[in-house]
Amino acid sequence: MPKTGTTARPAPSKKSTAKPAAAAPVAASIKPSAAPASKASGLEIKDNRTSKTYNVPVAEGAIRATELKKIKTDDPDDSGLLSYDPAFLNTASCRSAITYIDGDKGILRYRGYPIEQLAENATFLEVAWLLRHGELPNQQEYDGFVHDITFHTYVHENFRKFLEGFRYDAHPMAMLNSSIAGLASFYPSARNIFDETERNISIVRLLAKTPTIAAFSYRHVKGLPFVYPDNRLSYVENFLSMVARMSESKYEANPVFARALEILFILHADHEQNCSTNAVRAVGSSHVDPFSAVSAGVAALFGPLHGGANEQVLRMINEIGNVKNVPKFIESVKSGEGGRLMGFGHRVYKSYDPRAKIVKKLADEVFKVVGVDKDLEIALELERIALSDDYFTSRKLYPNVDFYTGLIYRSMAFPTDFFTVLFAIGRMPGWLAQWEEMLLDKEQKIARPRQIYIGPAERPYRTRLKPKQSL
């Protein structure tokens, strides 16, 4: 609570033992919260400004921020208390059945399924179905879904001209963002977001066409001719074909690379209410078409504090330059006089990032294929020192998923600027599942945060410009 004379204490009740809700069969299963909790299970707040006492219901480990509006002074202009929470550090903006994270315990689950089991056993499209529908697909559902995705991988020929309009050195994320937003002009009926058929085909189109647009962006920057989808290939193999195929009659992806990329897509498929997902939900709350809403997620992912983090890992390694410089760099980080140690620690995970364990094993498999060069030696030495130095372990600064992901992408010869595009392909199912869940949630309205005004009070206008000369 704000330090303005209010004190809060829990009303007598048993300690909360709330657990994450069980996975719902479909996004529409999110139901309004139960009736307000009884006084015994609420929060008793005494306002020392007025000596009044209020009972605020507690449900699912949270209070409704709107309950604070009831806490007012005797001032007739007082509209009640607000909660002030920059960057949503302790504010839940929605109720979701999609992804569960326990940062202290290093747990990540999609619809109740541990990420470790999905990465080991599932395909990316199986996970995409799961995130949206809440359950794993049966064989008939999966085959139909794969068919639909495969059928829609092609993009309109006008996209060639659209992409060719970008400069040769355009950032591929800027191209991807513009292109996904541009899909709204090709499919105007997508604005019928409450039509289940239209919503379904839009979701299929985004999942199918994003890899194609991403690959075309890659080829444009490289100055190579576009490669059309080969629908005989799997989702990941088709993407690799569009990226790397040259004169082969049939492209055959390295199976280690193909499986590595599929696992990375799964690991990135969703991550609760992160910056880009929040952007998709916020923009989607205006009931705009899904292409425009998802383009907001791509734009948010573009930032170096979000999807660009794995790019920063490679840039850090390039700055270190040689494995013999690692100890000096580590000391500069510890003293606070040098650069930041990128790819270590996580805002959510206070122990080891569960995805990092999976990617570490994956990285070792890829390194066996490509070998270890100078940059990889630097990365591995950084990892060794950070995992053995009490300075980092005591602060729980363990390697996160971005550290290893950047190394894998580099080993597969993807340019650094393209890393975030790969992240966006993987995150697409999560954005779409979160967007649809928001859309069908009866409690959601257009996103419109409050503010605490700190500007000047009313004042009269007095111009500070010179009088205009009459002609």
Protein backbone atom coordinates (compact mmCIF):
# COMPACT_ATOMS: atom_id res chain seq x y z
CA MET A 1 0.00 0.00 0.00
CA PRO A 2 1.19 3.62 -0.50
CA LYS A 3 2.76 5.22 2.53
CA THR A 4 -0.05 7.76 2.99
CA GLY A 5 -1.43 6.70 6.32
CA THR A 6 -2.99 3.32 5.58
CA THR A 7 -2.02 0.10 7.29
CA ALA A 8 -3.01 -3.38 6.24
CA ARG A 9 -3.10 -6.67 8.09
CA PRO A 10 -4.55 -10.03 7.10
CA ALA A 11 -7.87 -10.89 8.65
CA PRO A 12 -7.76 -14.15 10.68
CA SER A 13 -7.67 -16.99 8.16
CA LYS A 14 -5.77 -20.06 7.15
CA LYS A 15 -2.62 -19.63 5.11
CA SER A 16 -3.35 -19.60 1.39
CA THR A 17 -2.54 -22.85 -0.39
CA ALA A 18 -3.61 -21.73 -3.85
CA LYS A 19 -2.20 -23.76 -6.71
CA PRO A 20 -2.20 -23.09 -10.46
CA ALA A 21 -5.50 -23.95 -12.05
CA ALA A 22 -5.76 -27.13 -14.09
CA ALA A 23 -5.45 -26.78 -17.83
CA ALA A 24 -8.64 -25.80 -19.59
CA PRO A 25 -9.81 -27.63 -22.73
CA VAL A 26 -10.14 -24.45 -24.79
CA ALA A 27 -9.30 -20.78 -24.43
CA ALA A 28 -12.97 -19.96 -23.91
CA SER A 29 -12.97 -21.88 -20.63
CA ILE A 30 -11.64 -18.91 -18.65
CA LYS A 31 -14.56 -17.99 -16.43
CA PRO A 32 -15.17 -14.93 -14.29
CA SER A 33 -13.77 -15.13 -10.77
CA ALA A 34 -15.87 -16.64 -8.07
CA ALA A 35 -17.94 -14.46 -5.75
CA PRO A 36 -15.91 -12.15 -3.47
CA ALA A 37 -14.25 -13.93 -0.59
CA SER A 38 -15.79 -13.74 2.87
CA LYS A 39 -14.55 -11.25 5.43
CA ALA A 40 -12.66 -13.97 7.24
CA SER A 41 -10.54 -14.66 4.18
CA GLY A 42 -10.07 -11.04 3.15
CA LEU A 43 -7.55 -8.32 3.90
CA GLU A 44 -8.45 -5.84 6.63
CA ILE A 45 -7.12 -2.34 5.92
CA LYS A 46 -7.22 0.52 8.38
CA ASP A 47 -6.91 3.99 6.86
CA ASN A 48 -5.12 6.08 9.49
CA ARG A 49 -6.18 9.25 7.66
CA THR A 50 -9.85 8.66 8.47
CA SER A 51 -9.71 5.87 11.09
CA LYS A 52 -11.98 3.84 8.83
CA THR A 53 -11.49 0.10 8.33
CA TYR A 54 -12.08 -1.72 5.06
CA ASN A 55 -12.23 -5.38 4.17
CA VAL A 56 -10.77 -6.25 0.77
CA PRO A 57 -11.56 -9.75 -0.57
CA VAL A 58 -8.64 -12.00 -1.41
CA ALA A 59 -9.12 -14.59 -4.15
CA GLU A 60 -6.54 -16.69 -5.98
CA GLY A 61 -3.77 -14.98 -4.03
CA ALA A 62 -4.72 -11.50 -5.25
CA ILE A 63 -6.89 -8.51 -4.46
CA ARG A 64 -8.86 -6.58 -7.05
CA ALA A 65 -7.19 -3.22 -7.57
CA THR A 66 -10.63 -1.65 -8.03
CA GLU A 67 -11.38 -2.49 -4.39
CA LEU A 68 -8.89 0.22 -3.44
CA LYS A 69 -11.23 2.83 -4.93
CA LYS A 70 -13.42 2.37 -1.86
CA ILE A 71 -10.68 3.76 0.37
CA LYS A 72 -11.29 7.51 0.33
CA THR A 73 -10.83 10.58 2.50
CA ASP A 74 -13.65 13.02 3.24
CA ASP A 75 -12.57 15.15 0.29
CA PRO A 76 -15.47 15.03 -2.22
CA ASP A 77 -12.94 15.08 -5.08
CA ASP A 78 -11.09 12.03 -3.76
CA SER A 79 -11.69 9.16 -6.21
CA GLY A 80 -10.05 6.55 -4.00
CA LEU A 81 -6.65 4.90 -3.86
CA LEU A 82 -4.72 3.63 -6.85
CA SER A 83 -2.07 0.92 -6.91
CA TYR A 84 1.23 2.18 -8.34
CA ASP A 85 3.28 -0.53 -9.99
CA PRO A 86 5.72 0.55 -12.74
CA ALA A 87 6.52 -2.30 -15.14
CA PHE A 88 3.86 -4.52 -13.50
CA LEU A 89 6.33 -5.99 -11.01
CA ASN A 90 3.52 -7.25 -8.79
CA THR A 91 0.33 -6.76 -10.77
CA ALA A 92 -1.69 -9.49 -12.49
CA SER A 93 -3.37 -8.10 -15.60
CA CYS A 94 -5.28 -11.26 -16.44
CA ARG A 95 -6.22 -14.79 -15.40
CA SER A 96 -4.67 -17.32 -17.76
CA ALA A 97 -4.74 -21.11 -18.12
CA ILE A 98 -1.89 -21.30 -20.65
CA THR A 99 1.52 -21.11 -18.97
CA TYR A 100 2.61 -21.61 -15.37
CA ILE A 101 5.96 -20.38 -14.05
CA ASP A 102 7.46 -20.76 -10.59
CA GLY A 103 10.61 -18.68 -10.77
CA ASP A 104 11.91 -19.69 -7.35
CA LYS A 105 11.70 -23.39 -8.16
CA GLY A 106 12.67 -23.13 -11.82
CA ILE A 107 9.39 -24.53 -13.13
CA LEU A 108 7.87 -23.87 -16.56
CA ARG A 109 4.75 -25.70 -17.76
CA TYR A 110 2.53 -25.32 -20.82
CA ARG A 111 -1.07 -26.21 -19.92
CA GLY A 112 0.29 -28.27 -17.02
CA TYR A 113 2.89 -30.18 -19.05
CA PRO A 114 6.53 -29.73 -17.88
CA ILE A 115 8.66 -28.01 -20.50
CA GLU A 116 11.28 -30.74 -20.16
CA GLN A 117 8.82 -33.42 -21.32
CA LEU A 118 7.49 -31.35 -24.21
CA ALA A 119 10.97 -30.47 -25.46
CA GLU A 120 12.02 -34.10 -25.32
CA ASN A 121 8.97 -35.68 -26.91
CA ALA A 122 6.68 -33.21 -28.70
CA THR A 123 6.76 -31.51 -32.07
CA PHE A 124 6.45 -27.75 -32.37
CA LEU A 125 3.04 -27.93 -34.05
CA GLU A 126 1.82 -30.32 -31.35
CA VAL A 127 2.80 -27.69 -28.77
CA ALA A 128 1.13 -24.96 -30.85
CA TRP A 129 -2.12 -26.94 -30.76
CA LEU A 130 -1.75 -27.54 -27.02
CA LEU A 131 -1.23 -23.87 -26.19
CA ARG A 132 -4.39 -22.84 -28.01
CA HIS A 133 -6.74 -25.71 -27.20
CA GLY A 134 -5.55 -26.75 -23.75
CA GLU A 135 -5.07 -30.42 -24.57
CA LEU A 136 -2.69 -32.39 -26.75
CA PRO A 137 -4.16 -33.26 -30.17
CA ASN A 138 -5.20 -36.77 -31.10
CA GLN A 139 -3.86 -38.18 -34.37
CA GLN A 140 -6.79 -36.95 -36.46
CA GLU A 141 -6.62 -33.44 -34.99
CA TYR A 142 -2.87 -33.28 -35.44
CA ASP A 143 -2.92 -34.51 -39.04
CA GLY A 144 -5.62 -32.00 -39.93
CA PHE A 145 -3.72 -29.18 -38.23
CA VAL A 146 -0.46 -30.03 -40.00
CA HIS A 147 -2.33 -30.17 -43.31
CA ASP A 148 -3.88 -26.75 -42.74
CA ILE A 149 -0.55 -25.19 -41.79
CA THR A 150 1.18 -26.76 -44.79
CA PHE A 151 -1.56 -25.61 -47.16
CA HIS A 152 -1.14 -21.97 -46.09
CA THR A 153 2.65 -21.59 -46.16
CA TYR A 154 2.65 -19.65 -49.43
CA VAL A 155 2.29 -15.87 -49.37
CA HIS A 156 0.72 -13.61 -51.99
CA GLU A 157 3.09 -12.74 -54.85
CA ASN A 158 2.73 -9.06 -53.95
CA PHE A 159 4.84 -9.87 -50.91
CA ARG A 160 7.85 -10.21 -53.17
CA LYS A 161 7.51 -6.58 -54.24
CA PHE A 162 6.78 -5.54 -50.66
CA LEU A 163 9.94 -7.15 -49.30
CA GLU A 164 12.06 -6.07 -52.25
CA GLY A 165 11.19 -2.48 -51.32
CA PHE A 166 13.36 -2.72 -48.19
CA ARG A 167 17.01 -1.69 -48.31
CA TYR A 168 19.57 -4.47 -48.67
CA ASP A 169 20.78 -3.80 -45.13
CA ALA A 170 17.35 -3.60 -43.46
CA HIS A 171 17.10 -5.38 -40.12
CA PRO A 172 15.13 -8.61 -40.66
CA MET A 173 13.00 -7.91 -37.57
CA ALA A 174 11.87 -4.61 -39.06
CA MET A 175 10.96 -6.49 -42.22
CA LEU A 176 9.10 -9.19 -40.29
CA ASN A 177 7.19 -6.66 -38.21
CA SER A 178 6.08 -4.66 -41.24
CA SER A 179 5.16 -7.78 -43.19
CA ILE A 180 3.01 -9.31 -40.46
CA ALA A 181 1.18 -6.03 -39.99
CA GLY A 182 0.78 -5.91 -43.77
CA LEU A 183 -1.06 -9.24 -43.79
CA ALA A 184 -4.08 -7.35 -42.47
CA SER A 185 -4.37 -5.65 -45.86
CA PHE A 186 -4.41 -9.02 -47.65
CA TYR A 187 -7.06 -10.54 -45.36
CA PRO A 188 -9.51 -7.76 -44.38
CA SER A 189 -12.09 -10.29 -43.16
CA ALA A 190 -9.70 -11.09 -40.28
CA ARG A 191 -11.24 -8.11 -38.48
CA ASN A 192 -14.24 -10.34 -37.77
CA ILE A 193 -12.47 -11.56 -34.66
CA PHE A 194 -15.57 -12.96 -32.97
CA ASP A 195 -16.32 -15.20 -35.94
CA GLU A 196 -14.74 -18.51 -34.93
CA THR A 197 -14.07 -19.53 -38.53
CA GLU A 198 -12.30 -16.27 -39.35
CA ARG A 199 -10.34 -16.40 -36.11
CA ASN A 200 -9.20 -19.95 -36.82
CA ILE A 201 -8.02 -19.26 -40.36
CA SER A 202 -6.14 -16.16 -39.21
CA ILE A 203 -4.31 -18.20 -36.58
CA VAL A 204 -3.44 -20.86 -39.15
CA ARG A 205 -2.21 -18.22 -41.59
CA LEU A 206 0.06 -16.60 -39.03
CA LEU A 207 1.59 -19.91 -37.97
CA ALA A 208 2.06 -20.97 -41.60
CA LYS A 209 3.26 -17.74 -43.19
CA THR A 210 5.57 -16.37 -40.50
CA PRO A 211 8.42 -18.81 -41.36
CA THR A 212 7.98 -18.01 -45.05
CA ILE A 213 8.15 -14.26 -44.48
CA ALA A 214 11.12 -14.74 -42.14
CA ALA A 215 12.98 -16.82 -44.72
CA PHE A 216 12.23 -14.32 -47.50
CA SER A 217 13.61 -11.55 -45.26
CA TYR A 218 16.77 -13.57 -44.73
CA ARG A 219 17.24 -14.13 -48.46
CA HIS A 220 16.58 -10.46 -49.24
CA VAL A 221 19.33 -9.30 -46.89
CA LYS A 222 21.70 -11.89 -48.37
CA GLY A 223 20.84 -10.84 -51.92
CA LEU A 224 19.64 -14.34 -52.75
CA PRO A 225 16.54 -15.35 -54.74
CA PHE A 226 13.51 -16.30 -52.68
CA VAL A 227 12.89 -20.01 -52.18
CA TYR A 228 9.25 -21.06 -52.14
CA PRO A 229 7.88 -23.49 -49.54
CA ASP A 230 8.37 -27.20 -50.14
CA ASN A 231 5.27 -28.74 -48.64
CA ARG A 232 6.77 -32.21 -48.69
CA LEU A 233 8.93 -31.17 -45.73
CA SER A 234 8.12 -30.78 -42.06
CA TYR A 235 7.49 -27.33 -40.54
CA VAL A 236 11.10 -26.80 -39.39
CA GLU A 237 12.72 -28.51 -42.38
CA ASN A 238 10.63 -26.39 -44.74
CA PHE A 239 11.84 -23.25 -43.00
CA LEU A 240 15.47 -24.36 -43.24
CA SER A 241 14.94 -25.16 -46.92
CA MET A 242 13.62 -21.66 -47.64
CA VAL A 243 16.60 -20.19 -45.79
CA ALA A 244 19.47 -22.31 -47.08
CA ARG A 245 18.47 -24.06 -50.29
CA MET A 246 20.58 -23.22 -53.31
CA SER A 247 20.64 -25.43 -56.41
CA GLU A 248 19.65 -28.74 -54.82
CA SER A 249 16.74 -30.55 -56.43
CA LYS A 250 15.59 -31.42 -52.92
CA TYR A 251 16.85 -29.87 -49.72
CA GLU A 252 17.83 -32.18 -46.88
CA ALA A 253 18.37 -30.48 -43.55
CA ASN A 254 21.01 -31.62 -41.10
CA PRO A 255 18.91 -33.68 -38.64
CA VAL A 256 20.81 -32.29 -35.64
CA PHE A 257 20.10 -28.72 -36.76
CA ALA A 258 16.46 -29.49 -37.55
CA ARG A 259 15.81 -31.07 -34.15
CA ALA A 260 17.73 -28.30 -32.37
CA LEU A 261 15.63 -25.61 -34.04
CA GLU A 262 12.39 -27.48 -33.27
CA ILE A 263 13.31 -27.71 -29.58
CA LEU A 264 14.26 -24.03 -29.47
CA PHE A 265 10.90 -23.12 -31.03
CA ILE A 266 9.16 -25.19 -28.33
CA LEU A 267 11.15 -23.56 -25.53
CA HIS A 268 10.25 -20.11 -26.83
CA ALA A 269 6.59 -20.88 -27.60
CA ASP A 270 5.20 -19.06 -24.56
CA HIS A 271 6.47 -17.50 -21.36
CA GLU A 272 3.51 -16.11 -19.46
CA GLN A 273 2.90 -12.32 -19.43
CA ASN A 274 6.23 -11.13 -20.81
CA CYS A 275 6.72 -7.79 -22.57
CA SER A 276 5.70 -8.93 -26.07
CA THR A 277 2.77 -11.05 -24.88
CA ASN A 278 1.52 -8.13 -22.82
CA ALA A 279 1.81 -5.98 -25.95
CA VAL A 280 -0.25 -8.47 -27.98
CA ARG A 281 -2.93 -8.59 -25.30
CA ALA A 282 -3.00 -4.81 -24.82
CA VAL A 283 -3.24 -4.00 -28.53
CA GLY A 284 -5.62 -6.92 -29.09
CA SER A 285 -7.91 -5.57 -26.36
CA SER A 286 -8.95 -2.82 -28.78
CA HIS A 287 -10.45 -5.64 -30.92
CA VAL A 288 -8.07 -5.02 -33.79
CA ASP A 289 -7.33 -7.85 -36.24
CA PRO A 290 -4.83 -10.53 -35.06
CA PHE A 291 -2.16 -9.54 -37.60
CA SER A 292 -1.98 -6.03 -36.14
CA ALA A 293 -2.05 -7.34 -32.57
CA VAL A 294 0.75 -9.82 -33.22
CA SER A 295 2.86 -7.20 -35.00
CA ALA A 296 2.88 -5.33 -31.69
CA GLY A 297 4.42 -8.42 -30.13
CA VAL A 298 7.08 -8.54 -32.84
CA ALA A 299 7.88 -4.88 -32.21
CA ALA A 300 8.25 -5.49 -28.47
CA LEU A 301 10.41 -8.55 -29.10
CA PHE A 302 12.73 -6.39 -31.23
CA GLY A 303 14.01 -4.62 -28.11
CA PRO A 304 17.44 -5.58 -26.70
CA LEU A 305 15.93 -6.11 -23.24
CA HIS A 306 13.58 -8.78 -24.61
CA GLY A 307 14.12 -10.82 -27.76
CA GLY A 308 17.39 -9.08 -28.56
CA ALA A 309 19.07 -10.52 -25.47
CA ASN A 310 20.67 -13.43 -27.33
CA GLU A 311 22.12 -10.96 -29.83
CA GLN A 312 23.75 -9.15 -26.92
CA VAL A 313 25.45 -12.38 -25.81
CA LEU A 314 27.25 -12.67 -29.15
CA ARG A 315 28.18 -8.99 -29.13
CA MET A 316 29.65 -9.41 -25.64
CA ILE A 317 31.71 -12.37 -26.82
CA ASN A 318 32.98 -10.36 -29.79
CA GLU A 319 34.03 -7.56 -27.45
CA ILE A 320 35.96 -9.99 -25.23
CA GLY A 321 37.81 -11.14 -28.34
CA ASN A 322 39.95 -13.93 -26.92
CA VAL A 323 39.59 -16.60 -24.27
CA LYS A 324 42.61 -15.19 -22.40
CA ASN A 325 40.64 -11.95 -21.84
CA VAL A 326 37.79 -13.71 -20.01
CA PRO A 327 39.25 -13.43 -16.46
CA LYS A 328 39.85 -9.70 -16.92
CA PHE A 329 36.30 -9.25 -18.25
CA ILE A 330 34.84 -11.19 -15.32
CA GLU A 331 36.72 -9.03 -12.84
CA SER A 332 35.49 -5.87 -14.53
CA VAL A 333 31.92 -7.15 -14.25
CA LYS A 334 32.36 -7.93 -10.55
CA SER A 335 33.89 -4.52 -9.84
CA GLY A 336 31.12 -2.73 -11.70
CA GLU A 337 33.64 -0.95 -13.90
CA GLY A 338 33.16 -3.03 -17.04
CA GLY A 339 30.34 -4.22 -19.24
CA ARG A 340 27.38 -6.37 -18.27
CA LEU A 341 27.51 -10.15 -18.24
CA MET A 342 24.84 -10.83 -20.87
CA GLY A 343 22.91 -14.10 -20.88
CA PHE A 344 23.15 -14.70 -17.14
CA GLY A 345 20.34 -14.36 -14.60
CA HIS A 346 16.65 -13.83 -15.30
CA ARG A 347 13.97 -11.50 -13.97
CA VAL A 348 11.56 -14.39 -13.38
CA TYR A 349 13.79 -17.35 -12.54
CA LYS A 350 15.53 -16.95 -9.19
CA SER A 351 17.16 -20.35 -9.59
CA TYR A 352 18.34 -22.03 -12.81
CA ASP A 353 16.27 -21.30 -15.92
CA PRO A 354 14.69 -24.71 -16.72
CA ARG A 355 14.99 -23.99 -20.43
CA ALA A 356 18.73 -23.37 -20.06
CA LYS A 357 19.30 -26.94 -18.86
CA ILE A 358 17.66 -28.24 -22.03
CA VAL A 359 19.49 -25.84 -24.33
CA LYS A 360 22.84 -26.56 -22.69
CA LYS A 361 22.49 -30.22 -23.67
CA LEU A 362 21.30 -29.18 -27.11
CA ALA A 363 24.28 -26.87 -27.54
CA ASP A 364 26.70 -29.68 -26.76
CA GLU A 365 25.09 -31.81 -29.49
CA VAL A 366 25.36 -29.00 -32.04
CA PHE A 367 28.98 -28.27 -31.08
CA LYS A 368 29.85 -31.90 -31.80
CA VAL A 369 28.72 -31.31 -35.39
CA VAL A 370 30.29 -27.89 -36.02
CA GLY A 371 33.27 -28.03 -33.67
CA VAL A 372 34.44 -25.39 -31.19
CA ASP A 373 36.01 -22.18 -32.49
CA LYS A 374 37.42 -19.10 -30.76
CA ASP A 375 34.07 -17.55 -29.89
CA LEU A 376 32.69 -20.80 -28.51
CA GLU A 377 35.82 -21.20 -26.38
CA ILE A 378 35.15 -17.75 -24.91
CA ALA A 379 31.52 -18.65 -24.20
CA LEU A 380 32.39 -21.96 -22.57
CA GLU A 381 35.03 -20.30 -20.39
CA LEU A 382 32.49 -17.64 -19.33
CA GLU A 383 30.09 -20.41 -18.41
CA ARG A 384 32.74 -22.34 -16.45
CA ILE A 385 33.85 -19.33 -14.41
CA ALA A 386 30.34 -18.05 -13.74
CA LEU A 387 29.15 -21.46 -12.52
CA SER A 388 32.11 -21.83 -10.15
CA ASP A 389 32.51 -18.27 -8.86
CA ASP A 390 30.68 -17.54 -5.62
CA TYR A 391 30.05 -13.96 -6.77
CA PHE A 392 27.69 -15.24 -9.47
CA THR A 393 26.29 -18.35 -7.79
CA SER A 394 25.42 -16.46 -4.59
CA ARG A 395 23.47 -13.98 -6.72
CA LYS A 396 21.93 -16.83 -8.72
CA LEU A 397 23.35 -15.45 -11.96
CA TYR A 398 23.23 -18.71 -13.86
CA PRO A 399 23.34 -18.96 -17.67
CA ASN A 400 19.85 -18.42 -19.05
CA VAL A 401 18.23 -19.62 -22.26
CA ASP A 402 19.52 -16.60 -24.20
CA PHE A 403 23.16 -17.48 -23.47
CA TYR A 404 23.02 -20.90 -25.11
CA THR A 405 20.45 -20.00 -27.77
CA GLY A 406 22.68 -17.38 -29.33
CA LEU A 407 25.57 -19.84 -29.44
CA ILE A 408 23.45 -22.48 -31.17
CA TYR A 409 22.09 -20.05 -33.75
CA ARG A 410 25.62 -18.85 -34.44
CA SER A 411 26.85 -22.42 -34.84
CA MET A 412 24.10 -22.98 -37.41
CA ALA A 413 25.48 -19.97 -39.36
CA PHE A 414 22.50 -17.67 -38.75
CA PRO A 415 23.56 -13.99 -38.70
CA THR A 416 23.25 -12.25 -35.36
CA ASP A 417 20.54 -9.88 -36.62
CA PHE A 418 18.37 -12.88 -37.46
CA PHE A 419 18.31 -14.39 -33.95
CA THR A 420 15.26 -12.42 -32.84
CA VAL A 421 13.37 -13.44 -35.97
CA LEU A 422 13.88 -17.08 -34.97
CA PHE A 423 12.57 -16.18 -31.51
CA ALA A 424 9.46 -14.63 -33.10
CA ILE A 425 8.70 -17.78 -35.11
CA GLY A 426 8.82 -19.82 -31.92
CA ARG A 427 6.76 -17.35 -29.89
CA MET A 428 3.95 -17.09 -32.46
CA PRO A 429 1.78 -19.92 -30.98
CA GLY A 430 1.97 -18.34 -27.53
CA TRP A 431 1.02 -14.89 -28.79
CA LEU A 432 -1.96 -16.33 -30.65
CA ALA A 433 -3.14 -18.47 -27.74
CA GLN A 434 -2.84 -15.51 -25.36
CA TRP A 435 -4.62 -13.21 -27.83
CA GLU A 436 -7.56 -15.59 -28.21
CA GLU A 437 -7.77 -16.21 -24.47
CA MET A 438 -7.89 -12.45 -23.86
CA LEU A 439 -10.54 -12.03 -26.54
CA LEU A 440 -12.83 -14.66 -25.03
CA ASP A 441 -12.31 -13.59 -21.42
CA LYS A 442 -15.53 -11.86 -20.31
CA GLU A 443 -13.66 -9.79 -17.72
CA GLN A 444 -11.26 -8.18 -20.18
CA LYS A 445 -11.85 -4.67 -21.50
CA ILE A 446 -9.73 -2.35 -23.60
CA ALA A 447 -6.40 -1.91 -21.82
CA ARG A 448 -6.21 1.54 -20.27
CA PRO A 449 -3.83 1.90 -17.29
CA ARG A 450 -4.27 4.69 -14.77
CA GLN A 451 -1.58 7.22 -13.95
CA ILE A 452 -0.45 9.39 -11.05
CA TYR A 453 -0.29 12.92 -12.38
CA ILE A 454 2.83 14.79 -11.23
CA GLY A 455 2.69 17.80 -13.58
CA PRO A 456 1.85 21.43 -12.77
CA ALA A 457 -1.52 22.53 -11.48
CA GLU A 458 -3.80 24.75 -13.57
CA ARG A 459 -2.05 27.88 -14.81
CA PRO A 460 -3.00 30.69 -17.21
CA TYR A 461 -1.66 30.81 -20.74
CA ARG A 462 0.93 33.55 -21.34
CA THR A 463 2.77 33.37 -24.63
CA ARG A 464 6.54 33.43 -24.62
CA LEU A 465 6.71 34.10 -28.36
CA LYS A 466 7.31 37.43 -30.03
CA PRO A 467 4.20 39.14 -31.43
CA LYS A 468 3.62 38.40 -35.11
CA GLN A 469 4.44 41.21 -37.51
CA SER A 470 1.45 42.40 -39.51
CA LEU A 471 1.90 42.47 -43.28
